């Protein structure tokens, strides 16, 4: 979707926290893929985790990092992850269910097309 709408829609990853930290809820798939990150103890460490996430997942668009108080996570009900579309007017025009099961790419794409059409 990023490739399709690049230049028309600004994409942004907001890294909130490690979903499957080694000292939290570690999953076997993370061990197999060597995604072994502890819960961040500082903002610098959280930023390092975000960098590793972007690199490991080959994310091509910009990423920002939530603060240690998890303000963005709390304000946007972002745990474990979620997709949002913010309209040109700064209002949320689409909010997915909790991911990854709640991700419905066709719904997000329909919202993008609607926003681009000015509806």
C-alpha atoms as a PDB file:
ATOM      1  CA  UNK A   1       0.000   0.000   0.000  1.00  0.00           C
ATOM      2  CA  UNK A   2       2.901   2.308   0.739  1.00  0.00           C
ATOM      3  CA  UNK A   3       4.279   1.818  -2.773  1.00  0.00           C
ATOM      4  CA  UNK A   4       0.866   2.481  -4.306  1.00  0.00           C
ATOM      5  CA  UNK A   5       0.074   5.680  -2.365  1.00  0.00           C
ATOM      6  CA  UNK A   6       3.592   6.990  -1.789  1.00  0.00           C
ATOM      7  CA  UNK A   7       3.676  10.722  -2.475  1.00  0.00           C
ATOM      8  CA  UNK A   8      -0.098  11.019  -2.060  1.00  0.00           C
ATOM      9  CA  UNK A   9      -0.383   9.885   1.556  1.00  0.00           C
ATOM     10  CA  UNK A  10       2.181  10.303   4.309  1.00  0.00           C
ATOM     11  CA  UNK A  11       2.954   6.974   5.988  1.00  0.00           C
ATOM     12  CA  UNK A  12       4.395   6.877   9.487  1.00  0.00           C
ATOM     13  CA  UNK A  13       5.209   4.075  11.898  1.00  0.00           C
ATOM     14  CA  UNK A  14       4.834   4.973  15.556  1.00  0.00           C
ATOM     15  CA  UNK A  15       6.864   2.514  17.606  1.00  0.00           C
ATOM     16  CA  UNK A  16       5.178   2.177  20.984  1.00  0.00           C
ATOM     17  CA  UNK A  17       6.968  -0.739  22.668  1.00  0.00           C
ATOM     18  CA  UNK A  18       8.298  -4.209  22.030  1.00  0.00           C
ATOM     19  CA  UNK A  19       5.291  -6.510  21.681  1.00  0.00           C
ATOM     20  CA  UNK A  20       7.135  -9.688  22.591  1.00  0.00           C
ATOM     21  CA  UNK A  21       9.974  -8.685  24.884  1.00  0.00           C
ATOM     22  CA  UNK A  22      12.316 -11.377  26.173  1.00  0.00           C
ATOM     23  CA  UNK A  23      11.429 -10.355  29.731  1.00  0.00           C
ATOM     24  CA  UNK A  24       7.724 -10.138  28.925  1.00  0.00           C
ATOM     25  CA  UNK A  25       5.574 -12.147  26.520  1.00  0.00           C
ATOM     26  CA  UNK A  26       8.202 -13.791  24.280  1.00  0.00           C
ATOM     27  CA  UNK A  27       6.915 -15.949  21.428  1.00  0.00           C
ATOM     28  CA  UNK A  28       8.708 -18.921  19.847  1.00  0.00           C
ATOM     29  CA  UNK A  29       8.518 -17.222  16.428  1.00  0.00           C
ATOM     30  CA  UNK A  30      10.577 -14.331  17.821  1.00  0.00           C
ATOM     31  CA  UNK A  31      13.219 -16.776  18.965  1.00  0.00           C
ATOM     32  CA  UNK A  32      13.311 -18.469  15.551  1.00  0.00           C
ATOM     33  CA  UNK A  33      13.579 -15.086  13.816  1.00  0.00           C
ATOM     34  CA  UNK A  34      16.114 -13.863  16.396  1.00  0.00           C
ATOM     35  CA  UNK A  35      13.962 -10.923  17.459  1.00  0.00           C
ATOM     36  CA  UNK A  36      15.165 -10.904  21.046  1.00  0.00           C
ATOM     37  CA  UNK A  37      14.624  -7.541  22.691  1.00  0.00           C
ATOM     38  CA  UNK A  38      14.038  -6.854  26.392  1.00  0.00           C
ATOM     39  CA  UNK A  39      11.615  -4.213  27.637  1.00  0.00           C
ATOM     40  CA  UNK A  40      13.297  -0.840  27.008  1.00  0.00           C
ATOM     41  CA  UNK A  41      14.588   0.828  30.168  1.00  0.00           C
ATOM     42  CA  UNK A  42      15.351   4.206  28.561  1.00  0.00           C
ATOM     43  CA  UNK A  43      14.269   6.331  25.619  1.00  0.00           C
ATOM     44  CA  UNK A  44      17.577   5.625  23.871  1.00  0.00           C
ATOM     45  CA  UNK A  45      17.027   1.895  24.241  1.00  0.00           C
ATOM     46  CA  UNK A  46      13.454   2.245  22.958  1.00  0.00           C
ATOM     47  CA  UNK A  47      14.770   4.138  19.929  1.00  0.00           C
ATOM     48  CA  UNK A  48      17.315   1.363  19.336  1.00  0.00           C
ATOM     49  CA  UNK A  49      14.473  -1.190  19.446  1.00  0.00           C
ATOM     50  CA  UNK A  50      12.506   0.871  16.913  1.00  0.00           C
ATOM     51  CA  UNK A  51      15.528   1.008  14.615  1.00  0.00           C
ATOM     52  CA  UNK A  52      15.902  -2.774  14.851  1.00  0.00           C
ATOM     53  CA  UNK A  53      12.180  -3.196  14.089  1.00  0.00           C
ATOM     54  CA  UNK A  54      12.340  -0.975  11.016  1.00  0.00           C
ATOM     55  CA  UNK A  55      15.445  -2.749   9.757  1.00  0.00           C
ATOM     56  CA  UNK A  56      14.167  -6.293  10.429  1.00  0.00           C
ATOM     57  CA  UNK A  57      10.766  -5.621   8.820  1.00  0.00           C
ATOM     58  CA  UNK A  58      12.240  -3.628   5.901  1.00  0.00           C
ATOM     59  CA  UNK A  59       9.940  -0.689   6.591  1.00  0.00           C
ATOM     60  CA  UNK A  60      10.534   1.973   3.953  1.00  0.00           C
ATOM     61  CA  UNK A  61       8.685   4.917   5.490  1.00  0.00           C
ATOM     62  CA  UNK A  62       9.597   7.138   8.463  1.00  0.00           C
ATOM     63  CA  UNK A  63       9.293   5.924  12.031  1.00  0.00           C
ATOM     64  CA  UNK A  64       8.940   7.849  15.269  1.00  0.00           C
ATOM     65  CA  UNK A  65       9.109   6.543  18.829  1.00  0.00           C
ATOM     66  CA  UNK A  66       6.592   6.976  21.628  1.00  0.00           C
ATOM     67  CA  UNK A  67       7.933   8.353  24.903  1.00  0.00           C
ATOM     68  CA  UNK A  68       8.652   6.246  27.982  1.00  0.00           C
ATOM     69  CA  UNK A  69       5.266   7.233  29.454  1.00  0.00           C
ATOM     70  CA  UNK A  70       3.605   5.618  26.406  1.00  0.00           C
ATOM     71  CA  UNK A  71       1.525   8.719  25.727  1.00  0.00           C
ATOM     72  CA  UNK A  72       0.762   7.837  22.104  1.00  0.00           C
ATOM     73  CA  UNK A  73      -0.048   4.242  22.959  1.00  0.00           C
ATOM     74  CA  UNK A  74      -2.515   5.358  25.623  1.00  0.00           C
ATOM     75  CA  UNK A  75      -4.105   8.194  23.632  1.00  0.00           C
ATOM     76  CA  UNK A  76      -4.617   6.073  20.508  1.00  0.00           C
ATOM     77  CA  UNK A  77      -5.395   2.661  22.055  1.00  0.00           C
ATOM     78  CA  UNK A  78      -2.447   1.434  20.039  1.00  0.00           C
ATOM     79  CA  UNK A  79      -1.588  -1.814  21.832  1.00  0.00           C
ATOM     80  CA  UNK A  80      -0.663  -4.259  20.392  1.00  0.00           C
ATOM     81  CA  UNK A  81      -0.753  -2.401  17.083  1.00  0.00           C
ATOM     82  CA  UNK A  82      -3.273  -0.530  15.019  1.00  0.00           C
ATOM     83  CA  UNK A  83      -3.687   1.235  11.682  1.00  0.00           C
ATOM     84  CA  UNK A  84      -4.920   4.823  11.506  1.00  0.00           C
ATOM     85  CA  UNK A  85      -5.621   7.231   8.701  1.00  0.00           C
ATOM     86  CA  UNK A  86      -5.523  10.886   9.620  1.00  0.00           C
ATOM     87  CA  UNK A  87      -7.333  13.127   7.172  1.00  0.00           C
ATOM     88  CA  UNK A  88      -6.113  16.364   5.663  1.00  0.00           C
ATOM     89  CA  UNK A  89      -8.047  18.179   8.378  1.00  0.00           C
ATOM     90  CA  UNK A  90      -6.074  16.374  11.126  1.00  0.00           C
ATOM     91  CA  UNK A  91      -9.008  14.211  12.206  1.00  0.00           C
ATOM     92  CA  UNK A  92      -8.928  10.429  12.336  1.00  0.00           C
ATOM     93  CA  UNK A  93     -10.834   9.084   9.341  1.00  0.00           C
ATOM     94  CA  UNK A  94     -10.026   5.403   9.820  1.00  0.00           C
ATOM     95  CA  UNK A  95      -9.048   3.258  12.812  1.00  0.00           C
ATOM     96  CA  UNK A  96      -8.461  -0.477  12.463  1.00  0.00           C
ATOM     97  CA  UNK A  97      -9.191  -3.083  15.045  1.00  0.00           C
ATOM     98  CA  UNK A  98      -6.271  -4.298  17.146  1.00  0.00           C
ATOM     99  CA  UNK A  99      -3.674  -5.927  14.953  1.00  0.00           C
ATOM    100  CA  UNK A 100      -2.656  -7.982  13.388  1.00  0.00           C
ATOM    101  CA  UNK A 101      -6.033  -9.782  13.344  1.00  0.00           C
ATOM    102  CA  UNK A 102      -7.903  -6.466  13.171  1.00  0.00           C
ATOM    103  CA  UNK A 103      -5.988  -5.218  10.144  1.00  0.00           C
ATOM    104  CA  UNK A 104      -8.254  -5.009   7.116  1.00  0.00           C
ATOM    105  CA  UNK A 105      -6.123  -3.581   4.285  1.00  0.00           C
ATOM    106  CA  UNK A 106      -9.096  -3.229   1.901  1.00  0.00           C
ATOM    107  CA  UNK A 107     -10.875  -1.053   4.489  1.00  0.00           C
ATOM    108  CA  UNK A 108      -7.811   1.152   4.932  1.00  0.00           C
ATOM    109  CA  UNK A 109      -7.357   1.449   1.174  1.00  0.00           C
ATOM    110  CA  UNK A 110     -11.025   2.421   0.754  1.00  0.00           C
ATOM    111  CA  UNK A 111     -10.559   5.108   3.408  1.00  0.00           C
ATOM    112  CA  UNK A 112      -7.436   6.383   1.621  1.00  0.00           C
ATOM    113  CA  UNK A 113      -9.247   6.544  -1.718  1.00  0.00           C
ATOM    114  CA  UNK A 114     -12.164   8.377  -0.097  1.00  0.00           C
ATOM    115  CA  UNK A 115      -9.807  10.869   1.572  1.00  0.00           C
ATOM    116  CA  UNK A 116      -7.903  11.483  -1.668  1.00  0.00           C
ATOM    117  CA  UNK A 117     -11.192  12.039  -3.497  1.00  0.00           C
ATOM    118  CA  UNK A 118     -12.101  14.682  -0.920  1.00  0.00           C
ATOM    119  CA  UNK A 119     -15.200  12.881   0.323  1.00  0.00           C
END
